Every structure is written in C-alpha cells, then in structure tokens.
Amino acid sequence: MRLNKLQQTAVSALEDIKGRDIKVLDVRKLTSFYDCMIIASADSNRQVKALAFHVRDKLKEAGATILGVEGEESGEWVLVDCGDIVVHVMQPAVRTYYNLEELWDISPAQRRARAA
C-alpha cells in the first residue's frame, strides 16, 4: 500500500505544475532495482526542473527517502530516485528520442507486438 500512496503523491505533484502525458509503469517483473517508473513531459527546462523539485519535495513530505536527483543542470531530463519509485521528467523531444515507455511497458499488447 505504501507504494500506491507514493505513486499517487508523485502523480499529484506532477499534475500540480501542469506535467503532461503522465505515464505510470509497473516494472516489478522486469527489474529488481525499483517497482514503479513514472514518466512525464514538461515544455521547458525551467518547468522540467520545477516539476522534479516539486515531486522530490512532495515525496519527502510523504515519508519517502530521496536517493538522488540527476540531470538538474541541463533541465532536459531530470530523474528523481526514491528507491521503489523513479520519476522521469523530460522535455518532449528527449522523451520521444529515448522512448522509455516502449522499453519498459509490458502490457499484453506490447508483449504480443514484441513476440511477432
């Protein structure tokens, strides 16, 4: 249940500052490093940084331990790592280029497409 609370906290924090295209991926079957990956888009370097810091602050308030924040210098892609959850905030061009959703999504439709 704690994971679900942290997911909701992170998503809510992203929505607070107009994060777009928020996607929550359960990656427990793919890795033991973390359980959930959350990806969101932002329109500028400033918004990427603001979203990441807001997520970090809200997760801290909810009792999560923040293990690290990476990428804040450039503001094109900032990662907030709180152990069980990793939040990626990216500008649209960077998000399209790296396409994390395709790499990590294991929905039934994705599995069928990869098997073909």
N, C-alpha and C. Protein backbone atom coordinates (compact mmCIF):
# COMPACT_ATOMS: atom_id res chain seq x y z
N MET A 1 0.81 -1.20 0.00
CA MET A 1 0.00 0.00 0.00
C MET A 1 0.85 1.26 0.00
N ARG A 2 2.02 1.22 0.60
CA ARG A 2 2.87 2.39 0.65
C ARG A 2 3.27 2.82 -0.75
N LEU A 3 3.55 1.84 -1.61
CA LEU A 3 3.93 2.15 -2.99
C LEU A 3 2.81 2.91 -3.69
N ASN A 4 1.58 2.45 -3.51
CA ASN A 4 0.45 3.12 -4.14
C ASN A 4 0.33 4.57 -3.66
N LYS A 5 0.55 4.80 -2.37
CA LYS A 5 0.49 6.16 -1.82
C LYS A 5 1.57 7.04 -2.45
N LEU A 6 2.78 6.49 -2.57
CA LEU A 6 3.87 7.26 -3.16
C LEU A 6 3.61 7.54 -4.64
N GLN A 7 3.04 6.57 -5.35
CA GLN A 7 2.67 6.80 -6.76
C GLN A 7 1.68 7.95 -6.87
N GLN A 8 0.66 7.90 -6.04
CA GLN A 8 -0.37 8.95 -6.07
C GLN A 8 0.24 10.31 -5.73
N THR A 9 1.15 10.32 -4.77
CA THR A 9 1.80 11.57 -4.37
C THR A 9 2.61 12.14 -5.53
N ALA A 10 3.38 11.28 -6.20
CA ALA A 10 4.21 11.73 -7.33
C ALA A 10 3.35 12.23 -8.48
N VAL A 11 2.32 11.49 -8.82
CA VAL A 11 1.45 11.90 -9.93
C VAL A 11 0.74 13.21 -9.59
N SER A 12 0.27 13.33 -8.38
CA SER A 12 -0.39 14.56 -7.95
C SER A 12 0.57 15.76 -8.02
N ALA A 13 1.82 15.55 -7.60
CA ALA A 13 2.81 16.62 -7.66
C ALA A 13 3.08 17.03 -9.11
N LEU A 14 3.11 16.06 -10.01
CA LEU A 14 3.30 16.38 -11.43
C LEU A 14 2.12 17.16 -11.98
N GLU A 15 0.92 16.77 -11.59
CA GLU A 15 -0.29 17.46 -12.05
C GLU A 15 -0.37 18.88 -11.49
N ASP A 16 0.16 19.10 -10.28
CA ASP A 16 0.13 20.42 -9.66
C ASP A 16 0.78 21.49 -10.53
N ILE A 17 1.85 21.12 -11.23
CA ILE A 17 2.60 22.09 -12.01
C ILE A 17 2.47 21.79 -13.51
N LYS A 18 1.33 21.21 -13.87
CA LYS A 18 0.97 21.00 -15.27
C LYS A 18 1.91 20.07 -16.03
N GLY A 19 2.38 19.01 -15.38
CA GLY A 19 3.11 17.97 -16.10
C GLY A 19 2.16 17.33 -17.10
N ARG A 20 2.67 16.97 -18.26
CA ARG A 20 1.82 16.42 -19.32
C ARG A 20 2.16 14.96 -19.60
N ASP A 21 1.21 14.27 -20.20
CA ASP A 21 1.41 12.90 -20.66
C ASP A 21 2.03 12.02 -19.57
N ILE A 22 1.44 12.05 -18.41
CA ILE A 22 1.97 11.29 -17.28
C ILE A 22 1.65 9.81 -17.48
N LYS A 23 2.68 8.99 -17.37
CA LYS A 23 2.53 7.55 -17.55
C LYS A 23 3.15 6.84 -16.35
N VAL A 24 2.40 5.91 -15.76
CA VAL A 24 2.88 5.12 -14.63
C VAL A 24 3.08 3.69 -15.11
N LEU A 25 4.29 3.18 -14.94
CA LEU A 25 4.61 1.82 -15.38
C LEU A 25 5.01 0.96 -14.19
N ASP A 26 4.41 -0.19 -14.07
CA ASP A 26 4.79 -1.18 -13.06
C ASP A 26 5.89 -2.03 -13.68
N VAL A 27 7.11 -1.94 -13.16
CA VAL A 27 8.25 -2.64 -13.75
C VAL A 27 8.79 -3.74 -12.84
N ARG A 28 8.00 -4.18 -11.89
CA ARG A 28 8.45 -5.22 -10.95
C ARG A 28 8.84 -6.51 -11.65
N LYS A 29 8.19 -6.84 -12.75
CA LYS A 29 8.51 -8.09 -13.46
C LYS A 29 9.75 -7.96 -14.35
N LEU A 30 10.23 -6.74 -14.50
CA LEU A 30 11.36 -6.51 -15.39
C LEU A 30 12.68 -6.21 -14.68
N THR A 31 12.61 -5.71 -13.46
CA THR A 31 13.82 -5.33 -12.74
C THR A 31 13.60 -5.42 -11.24
N SER A 32 14.68 -5.60 -10.52
CA SER A 32 14.59 -5.61 -9.06
C SER A 32 15.09 -4.28 -8.48
N PHE A 33 15.49 -3.35 -9.35
CA PHE A 33 16.00 -2.07 -8.88
C PHE A 33 14.91 -1.19 -8.30
N TYR A 34 13.73 -1.19 -8.91
CA TYR A 34 12.60 -0.40 -8.42
C TYR A 34 11.32 -1.04 -8.91
N ASP A 35 10.21 -0.59 -8.34
CA ASP A 35 8.91 -1.19 -8.64
C ASP A 35 8.10 -0.40 -9.65
N CYS A 36 8.28 0.89 -9.66
CA CYS A 36 7.42 1.75 -10.47
C CYS A 36 8.25 2.84 -11.14
N MET A 37 7.92 3.10 -12.39
CA MET A 37 8.53 4.19 -13.12
C MET A 37 7.41 5.14 -13.55
N ILE A 38 7.61 6.42 -13.29
CA ILE A 38 6.65 7.44 -13.68
C ILE A 38 7.36 8.38 -14.64
N ILE A 39 6.72 8.63 -15.78
CA ILE A 39 7.31 9.48 -16.82
C ILE A 39 6.33 10.62 -17.11
N ALA A 40 6.87 11.83 -17.21
CA ALA A 40 6.04 12.99 -17.53
C ALA A 40 6.81 13.94 -18.43
N SER A 41 6.08 14.74 -19.17
CA SER A 41 6.69 15.74 -20.06
C SER A 41 6.47 17.14 -19.50
N ALA A 42 7.42 18.01 -19.85
CA ALA A 42 7.34 19.42 -19.49
C ALA A 42 7.82 20.23 -20.68
N ASP A 43 7.35 21.46 -20.81
CA ASP A 43 7.59 22.25 -22.01
C ASP A 43 8.90 23.03 -22.05
N SER A 44 9.58 23.18 -20.93
CA SER A 44 10.80 23.96 -20.92
C SER A 44 11.75 23.43 -19.86
N ASN A 45 13.01 23.87 -19.92
CA ASN A 45 13.99 23.49 -18.90
C ASN A 45 13.51 23.90 -17.52
N ARG A 46 12.99 25.10 -17.43
CA ARG A 46 12.51 25.61 -16.15
C ARG A 46 11.38 24.75 -15.59
N GLN A 47 10.44 24.35 -16.45
CA GLN A 47 9.33 23.53 -15.97
C GLN A 47 9.81 22.12 -15.60
N VAL A 48 10.75 21.56 -16.35
CA VAL A 48 11.30 20.24 -16.01
C VAL A 48 11.89 20.29 -14.60
N LYS A 49 12.70 21.29 -14.34
CA LYS A 49 13.34 21.43 -13.03
C LYS A 49 12.30 21.65 -11.93
N ALA A 50 11.33 22.52 -12.19
CA ALA A 50 10.30 22.82 -11.19
C ALA A 50 9.48 21.57 -10.87
N LEU A 51 9.11 20.81 -11.88
CA LEU A 51 8.36 19.57 -11.66
C LEU A 51 9.18 18.58 -10.83
N ALA A 52 10.43 18.40 -11.19
CA ALA A 52 11.27 17.45 -10.47
C ALA A 52 11.44 17.85 -9.01
N PHE A 53 11.68 19.12 -8.75
CA PHE A 53 11.85 19.57 -7.36
C PHE A 53 10.56 19.46 -6.58
N HIS A 54 9.44 19.74 -7.24
CA HIS A 54 8.13 19.63 -6.57
C HIS A 54 7.84 18.16 -6.23
N VAL A 55 8.12 17.27 -7.16
CA VAL A 55 7.95 15.84 -6.90
C VAL A 55 8.83 15.42 -5.73
N ARG A 56 10.08 15.82 -5.77
CA ARG A 56 11.01 15.48 -4.68
C ARG A 56 10.48 15.96 -3.33
N ASP A 57 10.05 17.21 -3.27
CA ASP A 57 9.57 17.78 -2.01
C ASP A 57 8.31 17.07 -1.51
N LYS A 58 7.37 16.78 -2.42
CA LYS A 58 6.12 16.11 -2.02
C LYS A 58 6.38 14.66 -1.57
N LEU A 59 7.30 13.98 -2.25
CA LEU A 59 7.62 12.61 -1.84
C LEU A 59 8.31 12.61 -0.47
N LYS A 60 9.17 13.59 -0.23
CA LYS A 60 9.81 13.71 1.09
C LYS A 60 8.76 13.93 2.17
N GLU A 61 7.81 14.82 1.91
CA GLU A 61 6.72 15.09 2.86
C GLU A 61 5.91 13.83 3.15
N ALA A 62 5.78 12.96 2.14
CA ALA A 62 5.00 11.73 2.30
C ALA A 62 5.81 10.63 3.00
N GLY A 63 7.06 10.91 3.31
CA GLY A 63 7.87 9.95 4.04
C GLY A 63 8.84 9.15 3.21
N ALA A 64 8.94 9.44 1.92
CA ALA A 64 9.87 8.72 1.06
C ALA A 64 11.29 9.22 1.29
N THR A 65 12.24 8.34 1.09
CA THR A 65 13.65 8.71 1.13
C THR A 65 14.11 8.98 -0.29
N ILE A 66 14.60 10.17 -0.54
CA ILE A 66 15.08 10.53 -1.87
C ILE A 66 16.54 10.10 -1.96
N LEU A 67 16.80 9.15 -2.86
CA LEU A 67 18.16 8.62 -3.02
C LEU A 67 19.01 9.50 -3.92
N GLY A 68 18.37 10.23 -4.82
CA GLY A 68 19.13 11.11 -5.70
C GLY A 68 18.26 11.83 -6.70
N VAL A 69 18.81 12.91 -7.22
CA VAL A 69 18.19 13.67 -8.30
C VAL A 69 19.29 13.90 -9.33
N GLU A 70 19.03 13.48 -10.56
CA GLU A 70 20.04 13.59 -11.62
C GLU A 70 19.50 14.42 -12.79
N GLY A 71 20.38 15.17 -13.42
CA GLY A 71 20.04 15.89 -14.64
C GLY A 71 19.53 17.30 -14.44
N GLU A 72 19.57 17.77 -13.21
CA GLU A 72 19.01 19.09 -12.93
C GLU A 72 19.82 20.23 -13.56
N GLU A 73 21.06 19.97 -13.92
CA GLU A 73 21.88 21.03 -14.52
C GLU A 73 21.33 21.45 -15.88
N SER A 74 21.04 20.48 -16.73
CA SER A 74 20.58 20.81 -18.08
C SER A 74 19.08 21.08 -18.13
N GLY A 75 18.32 20.33 -17.36
CA GLY A 75 16.88 20.53 -17.34
C GLY A 75 16.15 19.92 -18.52
N GLU A 76 16.82 19.11 -19.32
CA GLU A 76 16.14 18.44 -20.42
C GLU A 76 15.49 17.14 -19.94
N TRP A 77 16.14 16.50 -18.96
CA TRP A 77 15.64 15.24 -18.41
C TRP A 77 16.13 15.17 -16.97
N VAL A 78 15.21 15.19 -16.03
CA VAL A 78 15.57 15.09 -14.62
C VAL A 78 14.95 13.82 -14.06
N LEU A 79 15.75 13.05 -13.35
CA LEU A 79 15.33 11.80 -12.74
C LEU A 79 15.32 11.99 -11.23
N VAL A 80 14.22 11.61 -10.60
CA VAL A 80 14.11 11.64 -9.14
C VAL A 80 13.99 10.19 -8.69
N ASP A 81 14.96 9.74 -7.91
CA ASP A 81 15.02 8.35 -7.45
C ASP A 81 14.67 8.29 -5.97
N CYS A 82 13.57 7.61 -5.67
CA CYS A 82 13.23 7.42 -4.25
C CYS A 82 13.12 5.93 -3.92
N GLY A 83 13.98 5.15 -4.55
CA GLY A 83 14.04 3.73 -4.23
C GLY A 83 13.03 2.92 -5.00
N ASP A 84 11.85 2.76 -4.45
CA ASP A 84 10.81 1.95 -5.09
C ASP A 84 10.21 2.62 -6.32
N ILE A 85 10.32 3.94 -6.37
CA ILE A 85 9.76 4.70 -7.49
C ILE A 85 10.85 5.57 -8.10
N VAL A 86 10.88 5.61 -9.43
CA VAL A 86 11.76 6.53 -10.14
C VAL A 86 10.87 7.39 -11.03
N VAL A 87 11.06 8.71 -10.93
CA VAL A 87 10.27 9.65 -11.71
C VAL A 87 11.18 10.31 -12.74
N HIS A 88 10.77 10.24 -14.00
CA HIS A 88 11.49 10.89 -15.09
C HIS A 88 10.65 12.07 -15.57
N VAL A 89 11.23 13.25 -15.58
CA VAL A 89 10.57 14.43 -16.13
C VAL A 89 11.42 14.87 -17.32
N MET A 90 10.79 14.90 -18.50
CA MET A 90 11.55 15.10 -19.73
C MET A 90 10.87 16.12 -20.65
N GLN A 91 11.69 16.80 -21.42
CA GLN A 91 11.13 17.60 -22.49
C GLN A 91 10.67 16.66 -23.60
N PRO A 92 9.65 17.04 -24.37
CA PRO A 92 9.07 16.14 -25.36
C PRO A 92 10.07 15.54 -26.36
N ALA A 93 11.01 16.32 -26.85
CA ALA A 93 11.97 15.79 -27.83
C ALA A 93 12.85 14.71 -27.20
N VAL A 94 13.26 14.91 -25.98
CA VAL A 94 14.08 13.93 -25.27
C VAL A 94 13.26 12.68 -24.98
N ARG A 95 12.03 12.88 -24.57
CA ARG A 95 11.15 11.74 -24.28
C ARG A 95 10.91 10.90 -25.54
N THR A 96 10.69 11.55 -26.65
CA THR A 96 10.49 10.84 -27.91
C THR A 96 11.75 10.08 -28.32
N TYR A 97 12.89 10.71 -28.16
CA TYR A 97 14.16 10.10 -28.57
C TYR A 97 14.45 8.83 -27.76
N TYR A 98 14.31 8.89 -26.44
CA TYR A 98 14.65 7.75 -25.59
C TYR A 98 13.51 6.73 -25.48
N ASN A 99 12.28 7.17 -25.68
CA ASN A 99 11.11 6.29 -25.73
C ASN A 99 11.09 5.24 -24.61
N LEU A 100 11.20 5.69 -23.38
CA LEU A 100 11.22 4.78 -22.23
C LEU A 100 9.97 3.93 -22.12
N GLU A 101 8.84 4.47 -22.52
CA GLU A 101 7.59 3.70 -22.44
C GLU A 101 7.69 2.40 -23.23
N GLU A 102 8.25 2.47 -24.42
CA GLU A 102 8.36 1.26 -25.24
C GLU A 102 9.35 0.27 -24.62
N LEU A 103 10.42 0.78 -24.03
CA LEU A 103 11.40 -0.11 -23.42
C LEU A 103 10.87 -0.82 -22.19
N TRP A 104 10.02 -0.14 -21.42
CA TRP A 104 9.62 -0.67 -20.12
C TRP A 104 8.17 -1.14 -20.03
N ASP A 105 7.34 -0.85 -21.01
CA ASP A 105 5.93 -1.23 -20.94
C ASP A 105 5.78 -2.71 -21.27
N ILE A 106 5.14 -3.47 -20.37
CA ILE A 106 4.95 -4.90 -20.60
C ILE A 106 3.47 -5.26 -20.65
N SER A 107 2.66 -4.34 -21.15
CA SER A 107 1.24 -4.62 -21.29
C SER A 107 1.05 -5.78 -22.26
N PRO A 108 -0.07 -6.48 -22.19
CA PRO A 108 -0.30 -7.61 -23.10
C PRO A 108 -0.13 -7.24 -24.57
N ALA A 109 -0.57 -6.07 -24.97
CA ALA A 109 -0.43 -5.64 -26.36
C ALA A 109 1.05 -5.51 -26.74
N GLN A 110 1.84 -4.97 -25.82
CA GLN A 110 3.28 -4.82 -26.07
C GLN A 110 3.96 -6.18 -26.20
N ARG A 111 3.58 -7.12 -25.33
CA ARG A 111 4.18 -8.46 -25.39
C ARG A 111 3.88 -9.14 -26.71
N ARG A 112 2.63 -9.02 -27.17
CA ARG A 112 2.25 -9.63 -28.47
C ARG A 112 3.04 -8.99 -29.60
N ALA A 113 3.17 -7.66 -29.57
CA ALA A 113 3.89 -6.95 -30.64
C ALA A 113 5.36 -7.35 -30.66
N ARG A 114 5.97 -7.52 -29.50
CA ARG A 114 7.39 -7.89 -29.43
C ARG A 114 7.61 -9.33 -29.87
N ALA A 115 6.63 -10.20 -29.62
CA ALA A 115 6.76 -11.61 -29.98
C ALA A 115 6.62 -11.82 -31.48
N ALA A 116 5.93 -10.92 -32.14
CA ALA A 116 5.69 -11.08 -33.60
C ALA A 116 6.91 -10.78 -34.42
